[in-house]
N, C-alpha and C. Protein backbone atom coordinates (compact mmCIF):
# COMPACT_ATOMS: atom_id res chain seq x y z
N MET A 1 6.17 26.18 -12.11
CA MET A 1 6.96 25.67 -11.03
C MET A 1 7.13 24.17 -11.19
N SER A 2 8.28 23.69 -10.80
CA SER A 2 8.55 22.26 -10.88
C SER A 2 8.26 21.58 -9.55
N LYS A 3 8.18 20.26 -9.58
CA LYS A 3 7.95 19.50 -8.36
C LYS A 3 9.16 19.60 -7.46
N SER A 4 8.92 19.62 -6.15
CA SER A 4 10.03 19.66 -5.22
C SER A 4 10.59 18.25 -5.05
N LYS A 5 11.87 18.17 -4.79
CA LYS A 5 12.55 16.90 -4.61
C LYS A 5 12.66 16.59 -3.12
N ASP A 6 11.52 16.48 -2.44
CA ASP A 6 11.51 16.20 -1.02
C ASP A 6 12.04 14.80 -0.74
N VAL A 7 12.63 14.64 0.42
CA VAL A 7 13.15 13.34 0.82
C VAL A 7 12.00 12.43 1.22
N ARG A 8 11.01 12.96 1.95
CA ARG A 8 9.86 12.16 2.38
C ARG A 8 8.74 12.29 1.35
N VAL A 9 8.23 11.14 0.90
CA VAL A 9 7.15 11.12 -0.08
C VAL A 9 5.96 10.35 0.47
N ILE A 10 4.77 10.69 0.01
CA ILE A 10 3.54 10.01 0.43
C ILE A 10 3.33 8.80 -0.49
N VAL A 11 3.06 7.64 0.11
CA VAL A 11 2.83 6.42 -0.66
C VAL A 11 1.52 5.78 -0.21
N VAL A 12 0.94 4.98 -1.08
CA VAL A 12 -0.30 4.26 -0.80
C VAL A 12 0.04 2.77 -0.75
N LEU A 13 -0.39 2.10 0.33
CA LEU A 13 -0.17 0.66 0.50
C LEU A 13 -1.48 -0.06 0.25
N GLU A 14 -1.44 -1.16 -0.52
CA GLU A 14 -2.64 -1.90 -0.88
C GLU A 14 -2.48 -3.37 -0.50
N CYS A 15 -3.55 -3.96 0.02
CA CYS A 15 -3.54 -5.36 0.45
C CYS A 15 -3.34 -6.29 -0.75
N THR A 16 -2.44 -7.26 -0.59
CA THR A 16 -2.20 -8.21 -1.69
C THR A 16 -3.27 -9.30 -1.74
N SER A 17 -3.85 -9.66 -0.61
CA SER A 17 -4.87 -10.71 -0.58
C SER A 17 -6.17 -10.24 -1.22
N CYS A 18 -6.57 -9.01 -0.95
CA CYS A 18 -7.82 -8.49 -1.51
C CYS A 18 -7.74 -8.34 -3.02
N VAL A 19 -6.57 -8.01 -3.54
CA VAL A 19 -6.40 -7.85 -4.98
C VAL A 19 -6.60 -9.19 -5.68
N ARG A 20 -6.07 -10.27 -5.08
CA ARG A 20 -6.24 -11.59 -5.67
C ARG A 20 -7.69 -12.06 -5.57
N ASN A 21 -8.36 -11.74 -4.46
CA ASN A 21 -9.75 -12.17 -4.27
C ASN A 21 -10.73 -11.31 -5.05
N ASP A 22 -10.29 -10.15 -5.55
CA ASP A 22 -11.19 -9.26 -6.28
C ASP A 22 -11.70 -9.91 -7.56
N VAL A 23 -10.92 -10.81 -8.16
CA VAL A 23 -11.35 -11.51 -9.36
C VAL A 23 -12.53 -12.41 -9.05
N ASN A 24 -12.52 -13.04 -7.88
CA ASN A 24 -13.60 -13.94 -7.48
C ASN A 24 -14.78 -13.21 -6.86
N LYS A 25 -14.63 -11.90 -6.59
CA LYS A 25 -15.67 -11.06 -5.99
C LYS A 25 -16.07 -11.54 -4.60
N LYS A 26 -15.13 -12.20 -3.87
CA LYS A 26 -15.41 -12.62 -2.49
C LYS A 26 -15.22 -11.46 -1.53
N SER A 27 -14.33 -10.54 -1.86
CA SER A 27 -14.00 -9.43 -0.97
C SER A 27 -14.89 -8.23 -1.27
N PRO A 28 -15.44 -7.57 -0.23
CA PRO A 28 -16.29 -6.40 -0.46
C PRO A 28 -15.50 -5.15 -0.86
N GLY A 29 -14.18 -5.15 -0.67
CA GLY A 29 -13.37 -4.00 -1.02
C GLY A 29 -11.90 -4.31 -0.95
N ILE A 30 -11.08 -3.28 -1.13
CA ILE A 30 -9.63 -3.43 -1.08
C ILE A 30 -9.11 -2.51 0.01
N SER A 31 -8.34 -3.08 0.93
CA SER A 31 -7.78 -2.32 2.04
C SER A 31 -6.61 -1.47 1.55
N ARG A 32 -6.61 -0.18 1.88
CA ARG A 32 -5.53 0.73 1.51
C ARG A 32 -5.14 1.58 2.70
N TYR A 33 -3.85 1.82 2.84
CA TYR A 33 -3.29 2.70 3.86
C TYR A 33 -2.46 3.77 3.18
N ILE A 34 -2.43 4.97 3.75
CA ILE A 34 -1.59 6.05 3.26
C ILE A 34 -0.53 6.32 4.31
N THR A 35 0.74 6.38 3.89
CA THR A 35 1.84 6.60 4.81
C THR A 35 2.95 7.37 4.08
N GLN A 36 4.05 7.60 4.78
CA GLN A 36 5.20 8.29 4.19
C GLN A 36 6.41 7.38 4.25
N LYS A 37 7.34 7.60 3.32
CA LYS A 37 8.60 6.87 3.37
C LYS A 37 9.73 7.81 3.00
N ASN A 38 10.93 7.48 3.48
CA ASN A 38 12.12 8.25 3.17
C ASN A 38 12.69 7.72 1.86
N ARG A 39 12.76 8.55 0.87
CA ARG A 39 13.20 8.15 -0.46
C ARG A 39 14.65 7.66 -0.47
N HIS A 40 15.51 8.27 0.35
CA HIS A 40 16.92 7.90 0.38
C HIS A 40 17.16 6.56 1.06
N ASN A 41 16.47 6.29 2.17
CA ASN A 41 16.67 5.04 2.90
C ASN A 41 15.94 3.86 2.27
N THR A 42 14.77 4.09 1.70
CA THR A 42 13.95 3.03 1.11
C THR A 42 13.71 3.36 -0.35
N SER A 43 14.63 2.95 -1.21
CA SER A 43 14.50 3.30 -2.63
C SER A 43 13.54 2.37 -3.36
N GLY A 44 13.41 1.11 -2.88
CA GLY A 44 12.52 0.15 -3.53
C GLY A 44 11.09 0.30 -3.05
N ARG A 45 10.25 -0.66 -3.44
CA ARG A 45 8.86 -0.64 -3.02
C ARG A 45 8.73 -1.04 -1.57
N LEU A 46 7.84 -0.37 -0.86
CA LEU A 46 7.64 -0.60 0.56
C LEU A 46 6.64 -1.74 0.77
N GLU A 47 6.95 -2.67 1.66
CA GLU A 47 6.04 -3.77 2.03
C GLU A 47 5.92 -3.80 3.54
N LEU A 48 4.69 -3.69 4.04
CA LEU A 48 4.44 -3.73 5.48
C LEU A 48 3.31 -4.71 5.76
N LYS A 49 3.35 -5.31 6.94
CA LYS A 49 2.27 -6.18 7.38
C LYS A 49 1.28 -5.33 8.16
N LYS A 50 0.07 -5.17 7.62
CA LYS A 50 -0.96 -4.33 8.22
C LYS A 50 -2.25 -5.14 8.34
N PHE A 51 -3.19 -4.64 9.14
CA PHE A 51 -4.47 -5.31 9.31
C PHE A 51 -5.41 -4.94 8.17
N CYS A 52 -5.99 -5.94 7.55
CA CYS A 52 -6.98 -5.73 6.49
C CYS A 52 -8.36 -5.99 7.07
N ARG A 53 -9.21 -4.98 7.04
CA ARG A 53 -10.53 -5.14 7.64
C ARG A 53 -11.46 -6.01 6.79
N TYR A 54 -11.14 -6.20 5.52
CA TYR A 54 -11.96 -7.05 4.66
C TYR A 54 -11.57 -8.52 4.81
N CYS A 55 -10.27 -8.80 4.94
CA CYS A 55 -9.80 -10.17 5.16
C CYS A 55 -9.89 -10.57 6.63
N LYS A 56 -9.98 -9.57 7.51
CA LYS A 56 -10.03 -9.75 8.96
C LYS A 56 -8.79 -10.46 9.50
N GLN A 57 -7.63 -10.11 8.95
CA GLN A 57 -6.36 -10.65 9.42
C GLN A 57 -5.22 -9.74 8.96
N HIS A 58 -4.04 -9.95 9.53
CA HIS A 58 -2.87 -9.18 9.13
C HIS A 58 -2.32 -9.77 7.83
N THR A 59 -2.19 -8.92 6.81
CA THR A 59 -1.68 -9.35 5.52
C THR A 59 -0.59 -8.38 5.06
N ILE A 60 0.12 -8.76 4.01
CA ILE A 60 1.16 -7.89 3.46
C ILE A 60 0.52 -6.85 2.56
N HIS A 61 0.87 -5.60 2.80
CA HIS A 61 0.41 -4.48 1.99
C HIS A 61 1.63 -3.94 1.24
N VAL A 62 1.51 -3.76 -0.06
CA VAL A 62 2.62 -3.27 -0.88
C VAL A 62 2.31 -1.89 -1.43
N GLU A 63 3.36 -1.18 -1.76
CA GLU A 63 3.23 0.17 -2.30
C GLU A 63 2.73 0.12 -3.74
N ILE A 64 1.78 1.00 -4.05
CA ILE A 64 1.27 1.11 -5.43
C ILE A 64 1.51 2.52 -5.91
N LYS A 65 1.41 2.72 -7.22
CA LYS A 65 1.54 4.06 -7.78
C LYS A 65 0.25 4.82 -7.59
N LYS A 66 0.37 6.12 -7.39
CA LYS A 66 -0.82 6.96 -7.21
C LYS A 66 -1.44 7.29 -8.52
């Protein structure tokens, strides 16, 4: 069986601040959120401002590949 071509797909959002701080080992982890997006309306990468519990502030979370 082949993959279905659903309009809504599941995406993972990752904090951009934690990724940069991971090199310095200041952050205890990386904040990630799982959400859905409409493939037809949002063809590019999704960017949302979400709360990061490691940075303790609202930061930009971008879509990553699974």
